[in-house]
């Protein structure tokens, strides 16, 4: 060791600085390979784990929002279904429905000339556990003024029955400009709780 030191001291300043610089570079290189690189790999793994955890957290939040939205839509659908089911009448109530239509027409000054259910034109809609749903067309021919008929229709739509308008024709009365003839067909949604069994061919 002493010989090495003596030989080092005999070197000129430039050579000694060169050797010292080489030793420093070698020490830095050893630090990089044995200390910095393993730590960098560990930091990189930690960053990957943090990113994965962040992505998982965002996914959980998005799924929670989606579940809440689905739950709200389901509750809204149940509410609408409940409202509709209350308005769906049974086939046994057709006479009562016709009587209700006549009473509303009389109340608002609408003269009914024809009020006929078209049983041969009824449409099957769906079959459920509670029975068969179908739409029954009812032809209405009436005479009155616009405002009277408008109030009649508004009241009819607010009644405890589910109906849809199909055909609607207005004709003017040449002898009375304030009176008009209204021809329309409404469809009443009905439930047959005991439908006839389908015949198998």
C-alpha atoms as a PDB file:
ATOM      1  CA  UNK A   1       0.000   0.000   0.000  1.00  0.00           C
ATOM      2  CA  UNK A   2       2.905   2.310   0.842  1.00  0.00           C
ATOM      3  CA  UNK A   3       4.429   1.663  -2.573  1.00  0.00           C
ATOM      4  CA  UNK A   4       1.181   2.601  -4.235  1.00  0.00           C
ATOM      5  CA  UNK A   5       1.035   5.846  -2.250  1.00  0.00           C
ATOM      6  CA  UNK A   6       4.709   6.617  -3.021  1.00  0.00           C
ATOM      7  CA  UNK A   7       4.167   5.997  -6.722  1.00  0.00           C
ATOM      8  CA  UNK A   8       1.010   8.144  -6.618  1.00  0.00           C
ATOM      9  CA  UNK A   9       2.931  10.996  -4.975  1.00  0.00           C
ATOM     10  CA  UNK A  10       5.635  10.809  -7.651  1.00  0.00           C
ATOM     11  CA  UNK A  11       3.062  11.454 -10.370  1.00  0.00           C
ATOM     12  CA  UNK A  12       2.552  14.977 -11.655  1.00  0.00           C
ATOM     13  CA  UNK A  13      -0.564  16.923 -10.676  1.00  0.00           C
ATOM     14  CA  UNK A  14      -2.412  16.237 -13.949  1.00  0.00           C
ATOM     15  CA  UNK A  15      -2.000  12.463 -13.596  1.00  0.00           C
ATOM     16  CA  UNK A  16      -3.073  12.481  -9.962  1.00  0.00           C
ATOM     17  CA  UNK A  17      -6.184  14.555 -10.778  1.00  0.00           C
ATOM     18  CA  UNK A  18      -6.988  12.162 -13.611  1.00  0.00           C
ATOM     19  CA  UNK A  19      -6.732   9.143 -11.307  1.00  0.00           C
ATOM     20  CA  UNK A  20      -8.865  10.853  -8.636  1.00  0.00           C
ATOM     21  CA  UNK A  21     -11.457  11.761 -11.287  1.00  0.00           C
ATOM     22  CA  UNK A  22     -11.542   8.162 -12.468  1.00  0.00           C
ATOM     23  CA  UNK A  23     -12.052   6.909  -8.929  1.00  0.00           C
ATOM     24  CA  UNK A  24     -14.885   9.393  -8.386  1.00  0.00           C
ATOM     25  CA  UNK A  25     -16.538   8.330 -11.653  1.00  0.00           C
ATOM     26  CA  UNK A  26     -16.192   4.665 -10.688  1.00  0.00           C
ATOM     27  CA  UNK A  27     -17.762   5.335  -7.249  1.00  0.00           C
ATOM     28  CA  UNK A  28     -20.651   7.243  -8.866  1.00  0.00           C
ATOM     29  CA  UNK A  29     -21.130   4.405 -11.354  1.00  0.00           C
ATOM     30  CA  UNK A  30     -21.241   1.863  -8.518  1.00  0.00           C
ATOM     31  CA  UNK A  31     -23.799   4.034  -6.682  1.00  0.00           C
ATOM     32  CA  UNK A  32     -25.966   4.216  -9.797  1.00  0.00           C
ATOM     33  CA  UNK A  33     -25.857   0.469 -10.457  1.00  0.00           C
ATOM     34  CA  UNK A  34     -26.163  -0.769  -6.882  1.00  0.00           C
ATOM     35  CA  UNK A  35     -28.254   1.968  -5.194  1.00  0.00           C
ATOM     36  CA  UNK A  36     -30.039   4.295  -7.621  1.00  0.00           C
ATOM     37  CA  UNK A  37     -31.277   1.718 -10.150  1.00  0.00           C
ATOM     38  CA  UNK A  38     -32.938  -0.607  -7.560  1.00  0.00           C
ATOM     39  CA  UNK A  39     -34.534   2.406  -5.877  1.00  0.00           C
ATOM     40  CA  UNK A  40     -35.727   3.720  -9.252  1.00  0.00           C
ATOM     41  CA  UNK A  41     -37.294   0.331 -10.037  1.00  0.00           C
ATOM     42  CA  UNK A  42     -39.003   0.354  -6.654  1.00  0.00           C
ATOM     43  CA  UNK A  43     -40.302   3.899  -7.230  1.00  0.00           C
ATOM     44  CA  UNK A  44     -41.562   2.900 -10.678  1.00  0.00           C
ATOM     45  CA  UNK A  45     -43.412  -0.098  -9.200  1.00  0.00           C
ATOM     46  CA  UNK A  46     -44.932   2.166  -6.541  1.00  0.00           C
ATOM     47  CA  UNK A  47     -46.084   4.641  -9.195  1.00  0.00           C
ATOM     48  CA  UNK A  48     -47.674   1.787 -11.161  1.00  0.00           C
ATOM     49  CA  UNK A  49     -49.477   0.627  -8.026  1.00  0.00           C
ATOM     50  CA  UNK A  50     -50.658   4.172  -7.269  1.00  0.00           C
ATOM     51  CA  UNK A  51     -51.932   4.569 -10.851  1.00  0.00           C
ATOM     52  CA  UNK A  52     -53.715   1.203 -10.680  1.00  0.00           C
ATOM     53  CA  UNK A  53     -55.274   2.155  -7.334  1.00  0.00           C
ATOM     54  CA  UNK A  54     -56.385   5.498  -8.792  1.00  0.00           C
ATOM     55  CA  UNK A  55     -57.934   3.766 -11.824  1.00  0.00           C
ATOM     56  CA  UNK A  56     -59.706   1.250  -9.567  1.00  0.00           C
ATOM     57  CA  UNK A  57     -61.025   4.074  -7.374  1.00  0.00           C
ATOM     58  CA  UNK A  58     -62.376   5.963 -10.396  1.00  0.00           C
ATOM     59  CA  UNK A  59     -63.973   2.762 -11.686  1.00  0.00           C
ATOM     60  CA  UNK A  60     -65.655   2.143  -8.314  1.00  0.00           C
ATOM     61  CA  UNK A  61     -66.967   5.738  -8.223  1.00  0.00           C
ATOM     62  CA  UNK A  62     -68.270   5.434 -11.807  1.00  0.00           C
ATOM     63  CA  UNK A  63     -69.931   2.085 -11.019  1.00  0.00           C
ATOM     64  CA  UNK A  64     -71.557   3.577  -7.914  1.00  0.00           C
ATOM     65  CA  UNK A  65     -72.940   6.494  -9.923  1.00  0.00           C
ATOM     66  CA  UNK A  66     -74.184   4.066 -12.573  1.00  0.00           C
ATOM     67  CA  UNK A  67     -75.862   1.880  -9.939  1.00  0.00           C
ATOM     68  CA  UNK A  68     -77.550   4.921  -8.393  1.00  0.00           C
ATOM     69  CA  UNK A  69     -78.782   6.003 -11.837  1.00  0.00           C
ATOM     70  CA  UNK A  70     -80.080   2.493 -12.603  1.00  0.00           C
ATOM     71  CA  UNK A  71     -81.799   2.372  -9.214  1.00  0.00           C
ATOM     72  CA  UNK A  72     -83.477   5.743  -9.873  1.00  0.00           C
ATOM     73  CA  UNK A  73     -84.583   4.656 -13.359  1.00  0.00           C
ATOM     74  CA  UNK A  74     -85.964   1.436 -11.898  1.00  0.00           C
ATOM     75  CA  UNK A  75     -87.915   3.343  -9.239  1.00  0.00           C
ATOM     76  CA  UNK A  76     -89.257   5.740 -11.902  1.00  0.00           C
ATOM     77  CA  UNK A  77     -90.285   2.793 -14.093  1.00  0.00           C
ATOM     78  CA  UNK A  78     -92.017   1.120 -11.155  1.00  0.00           C
ATOM     79  CA  UNK A  79     -93.885   4.343 -10.415  1.00  0.00           C
ATOM     80  CA  UNK A  80     -94.984   4.690 -14.032  1.00  0.00           C
ATOM     81  CA  UNK A  81     -96.014   1.041 -14.159  1.00  0.00           C
ATOM     82  CA  UNK A  82     -98.020   1.450 -10.968  1.00  0.00           C
ATOM     83  CA  UNK A  83     -99.740   4.540 -12.390  1.00  0.00           C
ATOM     84  CA  UNK A  84    -100.551   2.726 -15.627  1.00  0.00           C
ATOM     85  CA  UNK A  85    -101.752  -0.416 -13.868  1.00  0.00           C
ATOM     86  CA  UNK A  86    -104.234   1.681 -11.873  1.00  0.00           C
ATOM     87  CA  UNK A  87    -105.643   3.090 -15.121  1.00  0.00           C
ATOM     88  CA  UNK A  88    -105.967  -0.284 -16.848  1.00  0.00           C
ATOM     89  CA  UNK A  89    -109.548  -1.457 -16.512  1.00  0.00           C
ATOM     90  CA  UNK A  90    -110.931  -4.959 -16.863  1.00  0.00           C
ATOM     91  CA  UNK A  91    -113.141  -6.162 -19.716  1.00  0.00           C
ATOM     92  CA  UNK A  92    -116.082  -6.366 -17.287  1.00  0.00           C
ATOM     93  CA  UNK A  93    -115.923  -2.582 -16.882  1.00  0.00           C
ATOM     94  CA  UNK A  94    -116.617  -1.674 -20.517  1.00  0.00           C
ATOM     95  CA  UNK A  95    -120.231  -0.707 -19.739  1.00  0.00           C
ATOM     96  CA  UNK A  96    -119.057   1.491 -16.852  1.00  0.00           C
ATOM     97  CA  UNK A  97    -116.481   3.133 -19.149  1.00  0.00           C
ATOM     98  CA  UNK A  98    -119.154   3.933 -21.752  1.00  0.00           C
ATOM     99  CA  UNK A  99    -121.355   5.349 -19.002  1.00  0.00           C
ATOM    100  CA  UNK A 100    -118.465   7.543 -17.789  1.00  0.00           C
ATOM    101  CA  UNK A 101    -117.866   8.867 -21.311  1.00  0.00           C
ATOM    102  CA  UNK A 102    -121.586   9.704 -21.694  1.00  0.00           C
ATOM    103  CA  UNK A 103    -121.686  11.452 -18.308  1.00  0.00           C
ATOM    104  CA  UNK A 104    -118.630  13.596 -19.091  1.00  0.00           C
ATOM    105  CA  UNK A 105    -120.069  14.510 -22.504  1.00  0.00           C
ATOM    106  CA  UNK A 106    -123.352  15.571 -20.925  1.00  0.00           C
ATOM    107  CA  UNK A 107    -121.537  17.619 -18.276  1.00  0.00           C
ATOM    108  CA  UNK A 108    -119.648  19.661 -20.895  1.00  0.00           C
ATOM    109  CA  UNK A 109    -122.517  20.068 -23.360  1.00  0.00           C
ATOM    110  CA  UNK A 110    -121.276  17.511 -25.892  1.00  0.00           C
ATOM    111  CA  UNK A 111    -124.091  15.720 -27.725  1.00  0.00           C
ATOM    112  CA  UNK A 112    -123.150  12.087 -28.367  1.00  0.00           C
ATOM    113  CA  UNK A 113    -124.657  10.668 -31.555  1.00  0.00           C
ATOM    114  CA  UNK A 114    -122.725   7.400 -31.479  1.00  0.00           C
ATOM    115  CA  UNK A 115    -120.724   5.579 -28.819  1.00  0.00           C
ATOM    116  CA  UNK A 116    -119.861   2.081 -30.014  1.00  0.00           C
ATOM    117  CA  UNK A 117    -117.126  -0.334 -28.867  1.00  0.00           C
ATOM    118  CA  UNK A 118    -115.679  -2.283 -31.799  1.00  0.00           C
ATOM    119  CA  UNK A 119    -115.058  -5.700 -30.255  1.00  0.00           C
ATOM    120  CA  UNK A 120    -114.153  -7.214 -33.615  1.00  0.00           C
ATOM    121  CA  UNK A 121    -111.290  -4.698 -33.952  1.00  0.00           C
ATOM    122  CA  UNK A 122    -109.718  -5.207 -30.516  1.00  0.00           C
ATOM    123  CA  UNK A 123    -105.958  -5.773 -30.509  1.00  0.00           C
ATOM    124  CA  UNK A 124    -104.086  -8.198 -28.275  1.00  0.00           C
ATOM    125  CA  UNK A 125    -101.166  -6.376 -26.665  1.00  0.00           C
ATOM    126  CA  UNK A 126     -99.433  -8.663 -24.192  1.00  0.00           C
ATOM    127  CA  UNK A 127     -99.912 -11.718 -22.042  1.00  0.00           C
ATOM    128  CA  UNK A 128     -98.837 -11.525 -18.394  1.00  0.00           C
ATOM    129  CA  UNK A 129     -99.331 -13.464 -15.185  1.00  0.00           C
ATOM    130  CA  UNK A 130    -102.374 -11.377 -14.360  1.00  0.00           C
ATOM    131  CA  UNK A 131    -104.070 -12.030 -17.715  1.00  0.00           C
ATOM    132  CA  UNK A 132    -104.324 -10.810 -21.311  1.00  0.00           C
ATOM    133  CA  UNK A 133    -103.978  -7.101 -22.134  1.00  0.00           C
ATOM    134  CA  UNK A 134    -105.704  -5.734 -25.211  1.00  0.00           C
ATOM    135  CA  UNK A 135    -106.819  -2.449 -26.756  1.00  0.00           C
ATOM    136  CA  UNK A 136    -110.515  -1.959 -27.446  1.00  0.00           C
ATOM    137  CA  UNK A 137    -111.427   0.730 -30.039  1.00  0.00           C
ATOM    138  CA  UNK A 138    -114.468   2.854 -29.188  1.00  0.00           C
ATOM    139  CA  UNK A 139    -116.019   5.000 -31.932  1.00  0.00           C
ATOM    140  CA  UNK A 140    -117.384   8.366 -30.781  1.00  0.00           C
ATOM    141  CA  UNK A 141    -119.453  10.695 -32.945  1.00  0.00           C
ATOM    142  CA  UNK A 142    -120.392  13.946 -31.261  1.00  0.00           C
ATOM    143  CA  UNK A 143    -121.618  17.487 -31.949  1.00  0.00           C
ATOM    144  CA  UNK A 144    -120.583  20.635 -30.060  1.00  0.00           C
ATOM    145  CA  UNK A 145    -118.287  23.653 -30.136  1.00  0.00           C
ATOM    146  CA  UNK A 146    -114.480  23.508 -30.078  1.00  0.00           C
ATOM    147  CA  UNK A 147    -114.152  24.608 -26.455  1.00  0.00           C
ATOM    148  CA  UNK A 148    -116.765  22.148 -25.240  1.00  0.00           C
ATOM    149  CA  UNK A 149    -115.084  19.293 -27.034  1.00  0.00           C
ATOM    150  CA  UNK A 150    -111.645  20.322 -25.745  1.00  0.00           C
ATOM    151  CA  UNK A 151    -112.888  20.291 -22.142  1.00  0.00           C
ATOM    152  CA  UNK A 152    -114.566  16.937 -22.794  1.00  0.00           C
ATOM    153  CA  UNK A 153    -111.311  15.373 -24.063  1.00  0.00           C
ATOM    154  CA  UNK A 154    -109.232  16.860 -21.217  1.00  0.00           C
ATOM    155  CA  UNK A 155    -111.612  15.480 -18.636  1.00  0.00           C
ATOM    156  CA  UNK A 156    -111.686  12.112 -20.383  1.00  0.00           C
ATOM    157  CA  UNK A 157    -107.878  11.859 -20.354  1.00  0.00           C
ATOM    158  CA  UNK A 158    -107.856  12.646 -16.643  1.00  0.00           C
ATOM    159  CA  UNK A 159    -110.212   9.822 -15.802  1.00  0.00           C
ATOM    160  CA  UNK A 160    -109.157   6.541 -14.233  1.00  0.00           C
ATOM    161  CA  UNK A 161    -108.578   4.755 -17.542  1.00  0.00           C
ATOM    162  CA  UNK A 162    -105.754   4.424 -20.019  1.00  0.00           C
ATOM    163  CA  UNK A 163    -106.770   5.583 -23.494  1.00  0.00           C
ATOM    164  CA  UNK A 164    -105.181   6.567 -26.800  1.00  0.00           C
ATOM    165  CA  UNK A 165    -106.624   8.523 -29.716  1.00  0.00           C
ATOM    166  CA  UNK A 166    -106.599   6.745 -33.056  1.00  0.00           C
ATOM    167  CA  UNK A 167    -108.700   8.640 -35.625  1.00  0.00           C
ATOM    168  CA  UNK A 168    -109.889  12.221 -35.341  1.00  0.00           C
ATOM    169  CA  UNK A 169    -112.049  14.073 -37.931  1.00  0.00           C
ATOM    170  CA  UNK A 170    -113.754  17.475 -37.546  1.00  0.00           C
ATOM    171  CA  UNK A 171    -116.542  18.665 -39.839  1.00  0.00           C
ATOM    172  CA  UNK A 172    -118.137  22.116 -39.826  1.00  0.00           C
ATOM    173  CA  UNK A 173    -121.881  22.554 -39.559  1.00  0.00           C
ATOM    174  CA  UNK A 174    -123.024  24.820 -42.422  1.00  0.00           C
ATOM    175  CA  UNK A 175    -126.193  25.791 -40.536  1.00  0.00           C
ATOM    176  CA  UNK A 176    -124.440  26.580 -37.238  1.00  0.00           C
ATOM    177  CA  UNK A 177    -120.905  27.997 -37.369  1.00  0.00           C
ATOM    178  CA  UNK A 178    -120.404  27.491 -33.614  1.00  0.00           C
ATOM    179  CA  UNK A 179    -121.209  23.759 -33.785  1.00  0.00           C
ATOM    180  CA  UNK A 180    -119.028  21.051 -35.279  1.00  0.00           C
ATOM    181  CA  UNK A 181    -119.207  17.324 -35.835  1.00  0.00           C
ATOM    182  CA  UNK A 182    -116.412  15.258 -34.288  1.00  0.00           C
ATOM    183  CA  UNK A 183    -115.657  11.715 -35.369  1.00  0.00           C
ATOM    184  CA  UNK A 184    -112.951   9.977 -33.391  1.00  0.00           C
ATOM    185  CA  UNK A 185    -111.840   6.561 -32.254  1.00  0.00           C
ATOM    186  CA  UNK A 186    -110.209   6.049 -28.882  1.00  0.00           C
ATOM    187  CA  UNK A 187    -108.487   2.891 -27.704  1.00  0.00           C
ATOM    188  CA  UNK A 188    -109.077   1.768 -24.137  1.00  0.00           C
ATOM    189  CA  UNK A 189    -106.481  -0.574 -22.622  1.00  0.00           C
ATOM    190  CA  UNK A 190    -108.248  -3.452 -20.884  1.00  0.00           C
ATOM    191  CA  UNK A 191    -107.258  -6.544 -18.952  1.00  0.00           C
ATOM    192  CA  UNK A 192    -108.921  -9.914 -19.373  1.00  0.00           C
ATOM    193  CA  UNK A 193    -108.073 -11.782 -16.154  1.00  0.00           C
ATOM    194  CA  UNK A 194    -109.519 -15.043 -17.486  1.00  0.00           C
ATOM    195  CA  UNK A 195    -108.663 -15.163 -21.218  1.00  0.00           C
ATOM    196  CA  UNK A 196    -109.869 -18.035 -23.323  1.00  0.00           C
ATOM    197  CA  UNK A 197    -107.175 -20.700 -23.838  1.00  0.00           C
ATOM    198  CA  UNK A 198    -105.426 -20.610 -27.171  1.00  0.00           C
ATOM    199  CA  UNK A 199    -106.472 -23.516 -29.361  1.00  0.00           C
ATOM    200  CA  UNK A 200    -103.588 -25.637 -30.554  1.00  0.00           C
ATOM    201  CA  UNK A 201    -103.754 -26.791 -34.141  1.00  0.00           C
END
